[in-house]
Amino acid sequence: MPQATFSVRMDEGLKRQFDGLCQEFGMTASTAINVFARAVVRERRIPFDIAAPEPEVSRDSATRAFMALRAEARANGIGDLSQDEINEEIRLTREEREA
């Protein structure tokens, strides 16, 4: 089978780490890339989950989110609910979801 060259650019540090791990696995980086490509073609999908990292929540961003929700509650006429009324709303919403 004819061979083709596949060139990839990556961070130098990442390449060193990747090469080191591949060596520990007893293969070259080229072999690892070929294993990955064969799995993608065979399974017709990326053979692992790709997900965005969870956003980092800071106290400042949480406070901004809370204040925005508070303003929205006031704008919708529900900014003065008591804790018991809020809990009752939550209970009713959960019941609706379960039905």
N, C-alpha and C. Protein backbone atom coordinates (compact mmCIF):
# COMPACT_ATOMS: atom_id res chain seq x y z
N MET A 1 0.85 -1.18 0.00
CA MET A 1 0.00 0.00 0.00
C MET A 1 0.90 1.24 0.00
N PRO A 2 0.62 2.19 -0.90
CA PRO A 2 1.44 3.40 -0.93
C PRO A 2 1.28 4.20 0.37
N GLN A 3 2.33 4.84 0.79
CA GLN A 3 2.33 5.63 2.01
C GLN A 3 2.18 7.12 1.67
N ALA A 4 1.55 7.85 2.56
CA ALA A 4 1.39 9.30 2.41
C ALA A 4 1.94 9.96 3.67
N THR A 5 2.42 11.16 3.52
CA THR A 5 2.93 11.92 4.66
C THR A 5 1.82 12.79 5.21
N PHE A 6 1.73 12.82 6.54
CA PHE A 6 0.72 13.62 7.24
C PHE A 6 1.48 14.49 8.23
N SER A 7 1.43 15.79 8.06
CA SER A 7 2.17 16.71 8.91
C SER A 7 1.21 17.43 9.86
N VAL A 8 1.59 17.48 11.13
CA VAL A 8 0.74 18.12 12.14
C VAL A 8 1.57 19.12 12.92
N ARG A 9 1.02 20.29 13.15
CA ARG A 9 1.69 21.29 13.98
C ARG A 9 1.09 21.21 15.38
N MET A 10 1.96 21.21 16.39
CA MET A 10 1.49 21.23 17.77
C MET A 10 2.53 21.88 18.65
N ASP A 11 2.11 22.24 19.82
CA ASP A 11 2.99 22.84 20.81
C ASP A 11 4.18 21.91 21.07
N GLU A 12 5.35 22.48 21.15
CA GLU A 12 6.58 21.70 21.33
C GLU A 12 6.54 20.86 22.62
N GLY A 13 6.04 21.45 23.70
CA GLY A 13 5.96 20.72 24.96
C GLY A 13 4.98 19.55 24.86
N LEU A 14 3.86 19.77 24.19
CA LEU A 14 2.88 18.71 24.00
C LEU A 14 3.49 17.57 23.19
N LYS A 15 4.25 17.93 22.14
CA LYS A 15 4.88 16.91 21.32
C LYS A 15 5.86 16.07 22.13
N ARG A 16 6.64 16.72 22.98
CA ARG A 16 7.58 15.96 23.83
C ARG A 16 6.83 15.00 24.75
N GLN A 17 5.76 15.48 25.36
CA GLN A 17 4.96 14.62 26.24
C GLN A 17 4.34 13.46 25.46
N PHE A 18 3.81 13.78 24.28
CA PHE A 18 3.18 12.75 23.45
C PHE A 18 4.21 11.70 23.02
N ASP A 19 5.36 12.17 22.55
CA ASP A 19 6.43 11.24 22.15
C ASP A 19 6.84 10.34 23.32
N GLY A 20 6.97 10.94 24.52
CA GLY A 20 7.37 10.18 25.70
C GLY A 20 6.36 9.11 26.06
N LEU A 21 5.08 9.46 26.02
CA LEU A 21 4.04 8.49 26.33
C LEU A 21 3.98 7.39 25.28
N CYS A 22 4.09 7.78 24.03
CA CYS A 22 4.08 6.77 22.96
C CYS A 22 5.23 5.79 23.16
N GLN A 23 6.38 6.31 23.54
CA GLN A 23 7.54 5.45 23.79
C GLN A 23 7.24 4.48 24.94
N GLU A 24 6.58 4.98 25.99
CA GLU A 24 6.19 4.11 27.11
C GLU A 24 5.23 3.01 26.64
N PHE A 25 4.39 3.34 25.66
CA PHE A 25 3.44 2.36 25.12
C PHE A 25 4.12 1.39 24.14
N GLY A 26 5.39 1.67 23.83
CA GLY A 26 6.12 0.81 22.90
C GLY A 26 5.84 1.11 21.45
N MET A 27 5.50 2.35 21.15
CA MET A 27 5.23 2.72 19.76
C MET A 27 5.75 4.12 19.48
N THR A 28 5.79 4.46 18.22
CA THR A 28 6.19 5.81 17.83
C THR A 28 4.95 6.69 17.79
N ALA A 29 5.17 7.99 17.71
CA ALA A 29 4.05 8.92 17.57
C ALA A 29 3.31 8.65 16.27
N SER A 30 4.05 8.32 15.22
CA SER A 30 3.43 8.01 13.93
C SER A 30 2.50 6.80 14.06
N THR A 31 2.94 5.77 14.77
CA THR A 31 2.09 4.60 14.98
C THR A 31 0.84 4.97 15.77
N ALA A 32 0.99 5.80 16.80
CA ALA A 32 -0.16 6.22 17.61
C ALA A 32 -1.17 6.98 16.76
N ILE A 33 -0.69 7.86 15.90
CA ILE A 33 -1.60 8.62 15.03
C ILE A 33 -2.31 7.67 14.07
N ASN A 34 -1.60 6.67 13.56
CA ASN A 34 -2.22 5.68 12.68
C ASN A 34 -3.28 4.87 13.42
N VAL A 35 -3.01 4.50 14.67
CA VAL A 35 -4.00 3.78 15.48
C VAL A 35 -5.25 4.64 15.65
N PHE A 36 -5.05 5.92 15.95
CA PHE A 36 -6.16 6.85 16.10
C PHE A 36 -6.96 6.95 14.80
N ALA A 37 -6.27 7.15 13.67
CA ALA A 37 -6.95 7.29 12.37
C ALA A 37 -7.75 6.04 12.03
N ARG A 38 -7.17 4.86 12.28
CA ARG A 38 -7.88 3.61 11.99
C ARG A 38 -9.14 3.49 12.86
N ALA A 39 -9.05 3.89 14.13
CA ALA A 39 -10.22 3.83 15.02
C ALA A 39 -11.31 4.78 14.54
N VAL A 40 -10.93 5.97 14.10
CA VAL A 40 -11.91 6.94 13.60
C VAL A 40 -12.62 6.39 12.37
N VAL A 41 -11.85 5.84 11.45
CA VAL A 41 -12.44 5.29 10.22
C VAL A 41 -13.31 4.07 10.54
N ARG A 42 -12.83 3.18 11.38
CA ARG A 42 -13.57 1.96 11.72
C ARG A 42 -14.88 2.28 12.43
N GLU A 43 -14.82 3.19 13.42
CA GLU A 43 -15.99 3.50 14.24
C GLU A 43 -16.84 4.63 13.68
N ARG A 44 -16.28 5.34 12.70
CA ARG A 44 -16.95 6.49 12.07
C ARG A 44 -17.31 7.56 13.11
N ARG A 45 -16.42 7.73 14.08
CA ARG A 45 -16.59 8.76 15.11
C ARG A 45 -15.24 8.96 15.78
N ILE A 46 -15.11 10.05 16.51
CA ILE A 46 -13.92 10.26 17.33
C ILE A 46 -14.05 9.27 18.49
N PRO A 47 -13.05 8.44 18.73
CA PRO A 47 -13.21 7.35 19.71
C PRO A 47 -13.09 7.78 21.17
N PHE A 48 -13.38 9.02 21.47
CA PHE A 48 -13.42 9.50 22.84
C PHE A 48 -14.28 10.74 22.87
N ASP A 49 -14.79 11.08 24.04
CA ASP A 49 -15.63 12.26 24.18
C ASP A 49 -14.81 13.53 24.07
N ILE A 50 -15.38 14.49 23.38
CA ILE A 50 -14.79 15.82 23.31
C ILE A 50 -15.80 16.76 23.94
N ALA A 51 -15.38 17.45 24.98
CA ALA A 51 -16.31 18.33 25.69
C ALA A 51 -15.59 19.61 26.10
N ALA A 52 -16.35 20.66 26.19
CA ALA A 52 -15.79 21.91 26.67
C ALA A 52 -15.59 21.80 28.18
N PRO A 53 -14.53 22.39 28.68
CA PRO A 53 -14.32 22.34 30.13
C PRO A 53 -15.42 23.11 30.85
N GLU A 54 -15.71 22.69 32.06
CA GLU A 54 -16.69 23.40 32.87
C GLU A 54 -16.18 24.83 33.09
N PRO A 55 -17.06 25.80 32.92
CA PRO A 55 -16.62 27.17 33.15
C PRO A 55 -16.23 27.37 34.60
N GLU A 56 -15.19 28.12 34.79
CA GLU A 56 -14.74 28.41 36.15
C GLU A 56 -15.66 29.48 36.73
N VAL A 57 -16.24 29.18 37.87
CA VAL A 57 -17.17 30.11 38.51
C VAL A 57 -16.42 30.84 39.62
N SER A 58 -16.36 32.14 39.47
CA SER A 58 -15.72 32.95 40.50
C SER A 58 -16.81 33.59 41.36
N ARG A 59 -16.41 34.06 42.50
CA ARG A 59 -17.37 34.73 43.39
C ARG A 59 -17.97 35.94 42.67
N ASP A 60 -17.13 36.66 41.91
CA ASP A 60 -17.59 37.84 41.20
C ASP A 60 -18.63 37.47 40.12
N SER A 61 -18.36 36.41 39.33
CA SER A 61 -19.32 36.03 38.29
C SER A 61 -20.60 35.47 38.91
N ALA A 62 -20.49 34.75 40.02
CA ALA A 62 -21.68 34.24 40.71
C ALA A 62 -22.53 35.39 41.25
N THR A 63 -21.88 36.41 41.81
CA THR A 63 -22.61 37.57 42.33
C THR A 63 -23.32 38.30 41.19
N ARG A 64 -22.64 38.46 40.05
CA ARG A 64 -23.27 39.12 38.89
C ARG A 64 -24.49 38.33 38.42
N ALA A 65 -24.36 37.00 38.37
CA ALA A 65 -25.47 36.16 37.94
C ALA A 65 -26.64 36.29 38.92
N PHE A 66 -26.34 36.29 40.21
CA PHE A 66 -27.39 36.43 41.22
C PHE A 66 -28.10 37.77 41.07
N MET A 67 -27.34 38.84 40.90
CA MET A 67 -27.94 40.17 40.78
C MET A 67 -28.80 40.26 39.51
N ALA A 68 -28.37 39.63 38.43
CA ALA A 68 -29.16 39.63 37.19
C ALA A 68 -30.47 38.88 37.41
N LEU A 69 -30.42 37.74 38.11
CA LEU A 69 -31.64 36.99 38.41
C LEU A 69 -32.57 37.78 39.32
N ARG A 70 -31.99 38.46 40.28
CA ARG A 70 -32.78 39.29 41.20
C ARG A 70 -33.50 40.40 40.42
N ALA A 71 -32.80 41.06 39.51
CA ALA A 71 -33.40 42.12 38.70
C ALA A 71 -34.51 41.55 37.80
N GLU A 72 -34.28 40.38 37.24
CA GLU A 72 -35.29 39.74 36.40
C GLU A 72 -36.53 39.38 37.22
N ALA A 73 -36.34 38.91 38.45
CA ALA A 73 -37.47 38.58 39.32
C ALA A 73 -38.29 39.84 39.62
N ARG A 74 -37.60 40.94 39.92
CA ARG A 74 -38.31 42.20 40.18
C ARG A 74 -39.10 42.65 38.96
N ALA A 75 -38.45 42.54 37.78
CA ALA A 75 -39.11 42.96 36.53
C ALA A 75 -40.35 42.11 36.23
N ASN A 76 -40.35 40.87 36.70
CA ASN A 76 -41.49 39.97 36.47
C ASN A 76 -42.48 39.97 37.63
N GLY A 77 -42.27 40.86 38.58
CA GLY A 77 -43.22 41.01 39.69
C GLY A 77 -43.13 39.92 40.74
N ILE A 78 -42.02 39.23 40.81
CA ILE A 78 -41.89 38.17 41.82
C ILE A 78 -40.65 38.38 42.70
N GLY A 79 -40.21 39.60 42.78
CA GLY A 79 -39.01 39.89 43.55
C GLY A 79 -39.20 39.89 45.05
N ASP A 80 -40.46 39.80 45.50
CA ASP A 80 -40.71 39.85 46.95
C ASP A 80 -41.24 38.55 47.52
N LEU A 81 -41.00 37.41 46.83
CA LEU A 81 -41.45 36.12 47.34
C LEU A 81 -40.68 35.74 48.59
N SER A 82 -41.38 35.13 49.53
CA SER A 82 -40.71 34.64 50.74
C SER A 82 -39.99 33.32 50.41
N GLN A 83 -39.15 32.87 51.32
CA GLN A 83 -38.45 31.61 51.12
C GLN A 83 -39.45 30.45 50.98
N ASP A 84 -40.52 30.47 51.79
CA ASP A 84 -41.54 29.42 51.70
C ASP A 84 -42.23 29.44 50.34
N GLU A 85 -42.51 30.64 49.83
CA GLU A 85 -43.15 30.74 48.51
C GLU A 85 -42.22 30.26 47.40
N ILE A 86 -40.96 30.56 47.52
CA ILE A 86 -39.97 30.09 46.54
C ILE A 86 -39.90 28.56 46.56
N ASN A 87 -39.83 27.99 47.76
CA ASN A 87 -39.78 26.53 47.89
C ASN A 87 -41.04 25.88 47.32
N GLU A 88 -42.18 26.50 47.51
CA GLU A 88 -43.43 25.97 46.97
C GLU A 88 -43.40 26.01 45.44
N GLU A 89 -42.88 27.07 44.87
CA GLU A 89 -42.74 27.17 43.41
C GLU A 89 -41.83 26.05 42.88
N ILE A 90 -40.76 25.82 43.58
CA ILE A 90 -39.83 24.74 43.18
C ILE A 90 -40.53 23.40 43.25
N ARG A 91 -41.27 23.15 44.34
CA ARG A 91 -41.99 21.89 44.51
C ARG A 91 -42.99 21.68 43.38
N LEU A 92 -43.77 22.72 43.05
CA LEU A 92 -44.76 22.61 41.99
C LEU A 92 -44.10 22.35 40.63
N THR A 93 -43.00 23.01 40.38
CA THR A 93 -42.28 22.81 39.11
C THR A 93 -41.78 21.38 39.00
N ARG A 94 -41.23 20.84 40.11
CA ARG A 94 -40.77 19.45 40.10
C ARG A 94 -41.92 18.48 39.86
N GLU A 95 -43.07 18.75 40.47
CA GLU A 95 -44.24 17.88 40.28
C GLU A 95 -44.67 17.89 38.82
N GLU A 96 -44.66 19.07 38.20
CA GLU A 96 -45.03 19.19 36.79
C GLU A 96 -44.08 18.39 35.90
N ARG A 97 -42.78 18.45 36.23
CA ARG A 97 -41.78 17.73 35.45
C ARG A 97 -41.95 16.22 35.57
N GLU A 98 -42.34 15.75 36.75
CA GLU A 98 -42.50 14.32 37.00
C GLU A 98 -43.78 13.76 36.39
N ALA A 99 -44.77 14.63 36.15
CA ALA A 99 -46.07 14.17 35.63
C ALA A 99 -46.04 13.88 34.14
